[in-house]
Amino acid sequence: MRRLAIVFGSPEVKQRHRNDMGLHVEWLISQAASIKDRINADAVAWTFPRLQRFPASGGYVYPGAIMWIKEVKR
């Protein structure tokens, strides 16, 4: 039986930077890949849908989600 450890990240960007979202998303993707290498994860996946940016409280926006996956040996 395979066992997987999965971590979800929900980044937030300040509402006032909404017009520069493309740059922020590029940076988030590069950071996701960098973290994958540092934690030795087997996979990383993300979604940053352009059609919907989820508003958050306190002047932030959630542009998408990131997921890191690692197979865990017993």
PDB file of N, CA and C in Angstrom:
ATOM      1  N   MET A   1       0.839  -1.164   0.000  1.00  0.00           N
ATOM      2  CA  MET A   1       0.000   0.000   0.000  1.00  0.00           C
ATOM      3  C   MET A   1       0.898   1.245   0.000  1.00  0.00           C
ATOM      4  N   ARG A   2       0.584   2.183  -0.866  1.00  0.00           N
ATOM      5  CA  ARG A   2       1.317   3.448  -0.908  1.00  0.00           C
ATOM      6  C   ARG A   2       0.703   4.441   0.076  1.00  0.00           C
ATOM      7  N   ARG A   3       1.570   5.218   0.681  1.00  0.00           N
ATOM      8  CA  ARG A   3       1.125   6.272   1.588  1.00  0.00           C
ATOM      9  C   ARG A   3       1.667   7.594   1.066  1.00  0.00           C
ATOM     10  N   LEU A   4       0.811   8.577   1.055  1.00  0.00           N
ATOM     11  CA  LEU A   4       1.198   9.890   0.553  1.00  0.00           C
ATOM     12  C   LEU A   4       1.008  10.944   1.630  1.00  0.00           C
ATOM     13  N   ALA A   5       1.979  11.824   1.724  1.00  0.00           N
ATOM     14  CA  ALA A   5       1.838  13.024   2.553  1.00  0.00           C
ATOM     15  C   ALA A   5       1.512  14.159   1.588  1.00  0.00           C
ATOM     16  N   ILE A   6       0.475  14.901   1.880  1.00  0.00           N
ATOM     17  CA  ILE A   6       0.048  15.989   1.005  1.00  0.00           C
ATOM     18  C   ILE A   6      -0.108  17.258   1.843  1.00  0.00           C
ATOM     19  N   VAL A   7       0.509  18.320   1.364  1.00  0.00           N
ATOM     20  CA  VAL A   7       0.412  19.621   2.031  1.00  0.00           C
ATOM     21  C   VAL A   7      -0.190  20.607   1.033  1.00  0.00           C
ATOM     22  N   PHE A   8      -1.197  21.331   1.480  1.00  0.00           N
ATOM     23  CA  PHE A   8      -1.850  22.344   0.652  1.00  0.00           C
ATOM     24  C   PHE A   8      -1.434  23.731   1.118  1.00  0.00           C
ATOM     25  N   GLY A   9      -1.146  24.592   0.160  1.00  0.00           N
ATOM     26  CA  GLY A   9      -0.827  25.985   0.465  1.00  0.00           C
ATOM     27  C   GLY A   9      -1.848  26.895  -0.195  1.00  0.00           C
ATOM     28  N   SER A  10      -2.261  27.899   0.547  1.00  0.00           N
ATOM     29  CA  SER A  10      -3.222  28.863   0.033  1.00  0.00           C
ATOM     30  C   SER A  10      -2.601  30.257   0.143  1.00  0.00           C
ATOM     31  N   PRO A  11      -1.829  30.652  -0.862  1.00  0.00           N
ATOM     32  CA  PRO A  11      -1.160  31.949  -0.776  1.00  0.00           C
ATOM     33  C   PRO A  11      -2.154  33.097  -0.865  1.00  0.00           C
ATOM     34  N   GLU A  12      -1.737  34.212  -0.304  1.00  0.00           N
ATOM     35  CA  GLU A  12      -2.571  35.402  -0.382  1.00  0.00           C
ATOM     36  C   GLU A  12      -1.732  36.571  -0.877  1.00  0.00           C
ATOM     37  N   VAL A  13      -2.374  37.449  -1.631  1.00  0.00           N
ATOM     38  CA  VAL A  13      -1.744  38.635  -2.191  1.00  0.00           C
ATOM     39  C   VAL A  13      -2.563  39.841  -1.737  1.00  0.00           C
ATOM     40  N   LYS A  14      -1.877  40.900  -1.375  1.00  0.00           N
ATOM     41  CA  LYS A  14      -2.600  42.093  -0.938  1.00  0.00           C
ATOM     42  C   LYS A  14      -3.483  42.622  -2.066  1.00  0.00           C
ATOM     43  N   GLN A  15      -4.674  43.017  -1.691  1.00  0.00           N
ATOM     44  CA  GLN A  15      -5.672  43.509  -2.648  1.00  0.00           C
ATOM     45  C   GLN A  15      -5.108  44.636  -3.512  1.00  0.00           C
ATOM     46  N   ARG A  16      -4.278  45.488  -2.939  1.00  0.00           N
ATOM     47  CA  ARG A  16      -3.744  46.628  -3.694  1.00  0.00           C
ATOM     48  C   ARG A  16      -2.784  46.207  -4.799  1.00  0.00           C
ATOM     49  N   HIS A  17      -2.314  44.945  -4.767  1.00  0.00           N
ATOM     50  CA  HIS A  17      -1.426  44.417  -5.808  1.00  0.00           C
ATOM     51  C   HIS A  17      -2.186  43.599  -6.851  1.00  0.00           C
ATOM     52  N   ARG A  18      -3.480  43.681  -6.838  1.00  0.00           N
ATOM     53  CA  ARG A  18      -4.324  42.884  -7.740  1.00  0.00           C
ATOM     54  C   ARG A  18      -3.982  43.114  -9.215  1.00  0.00           C
ATOM     55  N   ASN A  19      -3.612  44.322  -9.591  1.00  0.00           N
ATOM     56  CA  ASN A  19      -3.281  44.617 -10.985  1.00  0.00           C
ATOM     57  C   ASN A  19      -1.979  43.966 -11.432  1.00  0.00           C
ATOM     58  N   ASP A  20      -1.124  43.604 -10.504  1.00  0.00           N
ATOM     59  CA  ASP A  20       0.149  42.936 -10.808  1.00  0.00           C
ATOM     60  C   ASP A  20       0.068  41.438 -10.509  1.00  0.00           C
ATOM     61  N   MET A  21      -1.136  40.883 -10.545  1.00  0.00           N
ATOM     62  CA  MET A  21      -1.332  39.485 -10.140  1.00  0.00           C
ATOM     63  C   MET A  21      -0.486  38.521 -10.964  1.00  0.00           C
ATOM     64  N   GLY A  22      -0.319  38.781 -12.257  1.00  0.00           N
ATOM     65  CA  GLY A  22       0.484  37.890 -13.091  1.00  0.00           C
ATOM     66  C   GLY A  22       1.908  37.738 -12.566  1.00  0.00           C
ATOM     67  N   LEU A  23       2.508  38.832 -12.157  1.00  0.00           N
ATOM     68  CA  LEU A  23       3.865  38.786 -11.595  1.00  0.00           C
ATOM     69  C   LEU A  23       3.896  38.019 -10.279  1.00  0.00           C
ATOM     70  N   HIS A  24       2.878  38.235  -9.469  1.00  0.00           N
ATOM     71  CA  HIS A  24       2.815  37.532  -8.180  1.00  0.00           C
ATOM     72  C   HIS A  24       2.625  36.030  -8.381  1.00  0.00           C
ATOM     73  N   VAL A  25       1.797  35.655  -9.334  1.00  0.00           N
ATOM     74  CA  VAL A  25       1.568  34.233  -9.617  1.00  0.00           C
ATOM     75  C   VAL A  25       2.857  33.581 -10.136  1.00  0.00           C
ATOM     76  N   GLU A  26       3.579  34.256 -11.017  1.00  0.00           N
ATOM     77  CA  GLU A  26       4.863  33.720 -11.494  1.00  0.00           C
ATOM     78  C   GLU A  26       5.816  33.488 -10.332  1.00  0.00           C
ATOM     79  N   TRP A  27       5.888  34.451  -9.416  1.00  0.00           N
ATOM     80  CA  TRP A  27       6.767  34.315  -8.260  1.00  0.00           C
ATOM     81  C   TRP A  27       6.317  33.148  -7.368  1.00  0.00           C
ATOM     82  N   LEU A  28       5.011  33.016  -7.156  1.00  0.00           N
ATOM     83  CA  LEU A  28       4.493  31.922  -6.329  1.00  0.00           C
ATOM     84  C   LEU A  28       4.830  30.563  -6.938  1.00  0.00           C
ATOM     85  N   ILE A  29       4.734  30.457  -8.258  1.00  0.00           N
ATOM     86  CA  ILE A  29       5.066  29.192  -8.927  1.00  0.00           C
ATOM     87  C   ILE A  29       6.546  28.876  -8.764  1.00  0.00           C
ATOM     88  N   SER A  30       7.404  29.872  -8.917  1.00  0.00           N
ATOM     89  CA  SER A  30       8.841  29.620  -8.734  1.00  0.00           C
ATOM     90  C   SER A  30       9.141  29.225  -7.294  1.00  0.00           C
ATOM     91  N   GLN A  31       8.451  29.838  -6.339  1.00  0.00           N
ATOM     92  CA  GLN A  31       8.648  29.466  -4.934  1.00  0.00           C
ATOM     93  C   GLN A  31       8.141  28.052  -4.660  1.00  0.00           C
ATOM     94  N   ALA A  32       7.027  27.672  -5.274  1.00  0.00           N
ATOM     95  CA  ALA A  32       6.490  26.313  -5.091  1.00  0.00           C
ATOM     96  C   ALA A  32       7.488  25.272  -5.573  1.00  0.00           C
ATOM     97  N   ALA A  33       8.124  25.531  -6.717  1.00  0.00           N
ATOM     98  CA  ALA A  33       9.118  24.599  -7.245  1.00  0.00           C
ATOM     99  C   ALA A  33      10.355  24.563  -6.352  1.00  0.00           C
ATOM    100  N   SER A  34      10.764  25.707  -5.854  1.00  0.00           N
ATOM    101  CA  SER A  34      11.921  25.776  -4.961  1.00  0.00           C
ATOM    102  C   SER A  34      11.656  25.014  -3.662  1.00  0.00           C
ATOM    103  N   ILE A  35      10.487  25.183  -3.107  1.00  0.00           N
ATOM    104  CA  ILE A  35      10.122  24.461  -1.881  1.00  0.00           C
ATOM    105  C   ILE A  35      10.087  22.964  -2.149  1.00  0.00           C
ATOM    106  N   LYS A  36       9.569  22.554  -3.304  1.00  0.00           N
ATOM    107  CA  LYS A  36       9.543  21.126  -3.669  1.00  0.00           C
ATOM    108  C   LYS A  36      10.947  20.537  -3.590  1.00  0.00           C
ATOM    109  N   ASP A  37      11.922  21.252  -4.122  1.00  0.00           N
ATOM    110  CA  ASP A  37      13.304  20.770  -4.089  1.00  0.00           C
ATOM    111  C   ASP A  37      13.852  20.741  -2.669  1.00  0.00           C
ATOM    112  N   ARG A  38      13.550  21.756  -1.885  1.00  0.00           N
ATOM    113  CA  ARG A  38      14.077  21.816  -0.513  1.00  0.00           C
ATOM    114  C   ARG A  38      13.512  20.728   0.383  1.00  0.00           C
ATOM    115  N   ILE A  39      12.243  20.388   0.197  1.00  0.00           N
ATOM    116  CA  ILE A  39      11.629  19.367   1.058  1.00  0.00           C
ATOM    117  C   ILE A  39      11.690  17.978   0.433  1.00  0.00           C
ATOM    118  N   ASN A  40      12.297  17.907  -0.758  1.00  0.00           N
ATOM    119  CA  ASN A  40      12.450  16.628  -1.461  1.00  0.00           C
ATOM    120  C   ASN A  40      11.096  15.971  -1.742  1.00  0.00           C
ATOM    121  N   ALA A  41      10.122  16.774  -2.142  1.00  0.00           N
ATOM    122  CA  ALA A  41       8.795  16.249  -2.481  1.00  0.00           C
ATOM    123  C   ALA A  41       8.857  15.532  -3.824  1.00  0.00           C
ATOM    124  N   ASP A  42       7.940  14.607  -4.027  1.00  0.00           N
ATOM    125  CA  ASP A  42       7.879  13.865  -5.289  1.00  0.00           C
ATOM    126  C   ASP A  42       7.129  14.628  -6.374  1.00  0.00           C
ATOM    127  N   ALA A  43       6.233  15.516  -5.971  1.00  0.00           N
ATOM    128  CA  ALA A  43       5.448  16.265  -6.953  1.00  0.00           C
ATOM    129  C   ALA A  43       4.960  17.565  -6.341  1.00  0.00           C
ATOM    130  N   VAL A  44       4.709  18.521  -7.210  1.00  0.00           N
ATOM    131  CA  VAL A  44       4.069  19.771  -6.810  1.00  0.00           C
ATOM    132  C   VAL A  44       3.058  20.113  -7.896  1.00  0.00           C
ATOM    133  N   ALA A  45       1.929  20.650  -7.472  1.00  0.00           N
ATOM    134  CA  ALA A  45       0.891  21.061  -8.426  1.00  0.00           C
ATOM    135  C   ALA A  45       0.292  22.367  -7.932  1.00  0.00           C
ATOM    136  N   TRP A  46      -0.227  23.149  -8.872  1.00  0.00           N
ATOM    137  CA  TRP A  46      -0.846  24.407  -8.499  1.00  0.00           C
ATOM    138  C   TRP A  46      -1.949  24.748  -9.476  1.00  0.00           C
ATOM    139  N   THR A  47      -2.817  25.611  -9.029  1.00  0.00           N
ATOM    140  CA  THR A  47      -3.838  26.175  -9.890  1.00  0.00           C
ATOM    141  C   THR A  47      -4.016  27.638  -9.503  1.00  0.00           C
ATOM    142  N   PHE A  48      -3.970  28.485 -10.511  1.00  0.00           N
ATOM    143  CA  PHE A  48      -4.185  29.913 -10.330  1.00  0.00           C
ATOM    144  C   PHE A  48      -5.150  30.366 -11.430  1.00  0.00           C
ATOM    145  N   PRO A  49      -6.432  30.078 -11.258  1.00  0.00           N
ATOM    146  CA  PRO A  49      -7.412  30.385 -12.318  1.00  0.00           C
ATOM    147  C   PRO A  49      -7.561  31.884 -12.549  1.00  0.00           C
ATOM    148  N   ARG A  50      -7.501  32.287 -13.791  1.00  0.00           N
ATOM    149  CA  ARG A  50      -7.628  33.705 -14.131  1.00  0.00           C
ATOM    150  C   ARG A  50      -9.061  34.197 -14.018  1.00  0.00           C
ATOM    151  N   LEU A  51     -10.012  33.295 -14.165  1.00  0.00           N
ATOM    152  CA  LEU A  51     -11.411  33.714 -14.167  1.00  0.00           C
ATOM    153  C   LEU A  51     -11.919  34.072 -12.780  1.00  0.00           C
ATOM    154  N   GLN A  52     -11.281  33.529 -11.773  1.00  0.00           N
ATOM    155  CA  GLN A  52     -11.787  33.746 -10.416  1.00  0.00           C
ATOM    156  C   GLN A  52     -10.623  33.992  -9.469  1.00  0.00           C
ATOM    157  N   ARG A  53     -10.639  35.115  -8.816  1.00  0.00           N
ATOM    158  CA  ARG A  53      -9.698  35.409  -7.743  1.00  0.00           C
ATOM    159  C   ARG A  53     -10.535  35.514  -6.479  1.00  0.00           C
ATOM    160  N   PHE A  54     -10.256  34.672  -5.523  1.00  0.00           N
ATOM    161  CA  PHE A  54     -11.087  34.579  -4.345  1.00  0.00           C
ATOM    162  C   PHE A  54     -10.779  35.703  -3.359  1.00  0.00           C
ATOM    163  N   PRO A  55     -11.757  36.541  -3.052  1.00  0.00           N
ATOM    164  CA  PRO A  55     -11.515  37.617  -2.091  1.00  0.00           C
ATOM    165  C   PRO A  55     -11.315  37.055  -0.685  1.00  0.00           C
ATOM    166  N   ALA A  56     -10.503  37.720   0.070  1.00  0.00           N
ATOM    167  CA  ALA A  56     -10.264  37.327   1.455  1.00  0.00           C
ATOM    168  C   ALA A  56     -10.490  38.537   2.345  1.00  0.00           C
ATOM    169  N   SER A  57     -10.547  38.287   3.612  1.00  0.00           N
ATOM    170  CA  SER A  57     -10.732  39.396   4.541  1.00  0.00           C
ATOM    171  C   SER A  57      -9.411  40.115   4.769  1.00  0.00           C
ATOM    172  N   GLY A  58      -9.489  41.301   5.270  1.00  0.00           N
ATOM    173  CA  GLY A  58      -8.293  42.042   5.625  1.00  0.00           C
ATOM    174  C   GLY A  58      -7.525  42.608   4.448  1.00  0.00           C
ATOM    175  N   GLY A  59      -8.175  42.749   3.285  1.00  0.00           N
ATOM    176  CA  GLY A  59      -7.511  43.367   2.149  1.00  0.00           C
ATOM    177  C   GLY A  59      -6.619  42.434   1.345  1.00  0.00           C
ATOM    178  N   TYR A  60      -6.874  41.136   1.385  1.00  0.00           N
ATOM    179  CA  TYR A  60      -6.091  40.154   0.640  1.00  0.00           C
ATOM    180  C   TYR A  60      -6.952  39.423  -0.381  1.00  0.00           C
ATOM    181  N   VAL A  61      -6.288  38.803  -1.356  1.00  0.00           N
ATOM    182  CA  VAL A  61      -6.936  37.973  -2.368  1.00  0.00           C
ATOM    183  C   VAL A  61      -6.202  36.630  -2.397  1.00  0.00           C
ATOM    184  N   TYR A  62      -6.953  35.539  -2.495  1.00  0.00           N
ATOM    185  CA  TYR A  62      -6.370  34.208  -2.679  1.00  0.00           C
ATOM    186  C   TYR A  62      -6.366  33.906  -4.172  1.00  0.00           C
ATOM    187  N   PRO A  63      -5.203  33.950  -4.838  1.00  0.00           N
ATOM    188  CA  PRO A  63      -5.183  33.761  -6.286  1.00  0.00           C
ATOM    189  C   PRO A  63      -5.270  32.300  -6.724  1.00  0.00           C
ATOM    190  N   GLY A  64      -5.115  31.361  -5.801  1.00  0.00           N
ATOM    191  CA  GLY A  64      -5.155  29.957  -6.175  1.00  0.00           C
ATOM    192  C   GLY A  64      -4.672  29.073  -5.043  1.00  0.00           C
ATOM    193  N   ALA A  65      -4.169  27.897  -5.407  1.00  0.00           N
ATOM    194  CA  ALA A  65      -3.710  26.939  -4.404  1.00  0.00           C
ATOM    195  C   ALA A  65      -2.505  26.166  -4.930  1.00  0.00           C
ATOM    196  N   ILE A  66      -1.677  25.703  -3.990  1.00  0.00           N
ATOM    197  CA  ILE A  66      -0.489  24.901  -4.297  1.00  0.00           C
ATOM    198  C   ILE A  66      -0.566  23.625  -3.471  1.00  0.00           C
ATOM    199  N   MET A  67      -0.072  22.520  -4.029  1.00  0.00           N
ATOM    200  CA  MET A  67      -0.079  21.244  -3.331  1.00  0.00           C
ATOM    201  C   MET A  67       1.268  20.550  -3.538  1.00  0.00           C
ATOM    202  N   TRP A  68       1.867  20.084  -2.447  1.00  0.00           N
ATOM    203  CA  TRP A  68       3.096  19.300  -2.503  1.00  0.00           C
ATOM    204  C   TRP A  68       2.772  17.872  -2.064  1.00  0.00           C
ATOM    205  N   ILE A  69       3.355  16.892  -2.770  1.00  0.00           N
ATOM    206  CA  ILE A  69       3.070  15.479  -2.497  1.00  0.00           C
ATOM    207  C   ILE A  69       4.383  14.726  -2.332  1.00  0.00           C
ATOM    208  N   LYS A  70       4.422  13.867  -1.330  1.00  0.00           N
ATOM    209  CA  LYS A  70       5.599  13.031  -1.114  1.00  0.00           C
ATOM    210  C   LYS A  70       5.143  11.642  -0.706  1.00  0.00           C
ATOM    211  N   GLU A  71       5.746  10.643  -1.327  1.00  0.00           N
ATOM    212  CA  GLU A  71       5.453   9.262  -0.908  1.00  0.00           C
ATOM    213  C   GLU A  71       6.194   9.006   0.405  1.00  0.00           C
ATOM    214  N   VAL A  72       5.477   8.432   1.343  1.00  0.00           N
ATOM    215  CA  VAL A  72       6.029   8.183   2.673  1.00  0.00           C
ATOM    216  C   VAL A  72       6.221   6.683   2.845  1.00  0.00           C
ATOM    217  N   LYS A  73       7.431   6.298   3.155  1.00  0.00           N
ATOM    218  CA  LYS A  73       7.727   4.875   3.398  1.00  0.00           C
ATOM    219  C   LYS A  73       7.404   4.545   4.844  1.00  0.00           C
ATOM    220  N   ARG A  74       6.994   3.336   5.069  1.00  0.00           N
ATOM    221  CA  ARG A  74       6.731   2.877   6.432  1.00  0.00           C
ATOM    222  C   ARG A  74       7.998   2.613   7.154  1.00  0.00           C
TER     223      ARG A  74
END
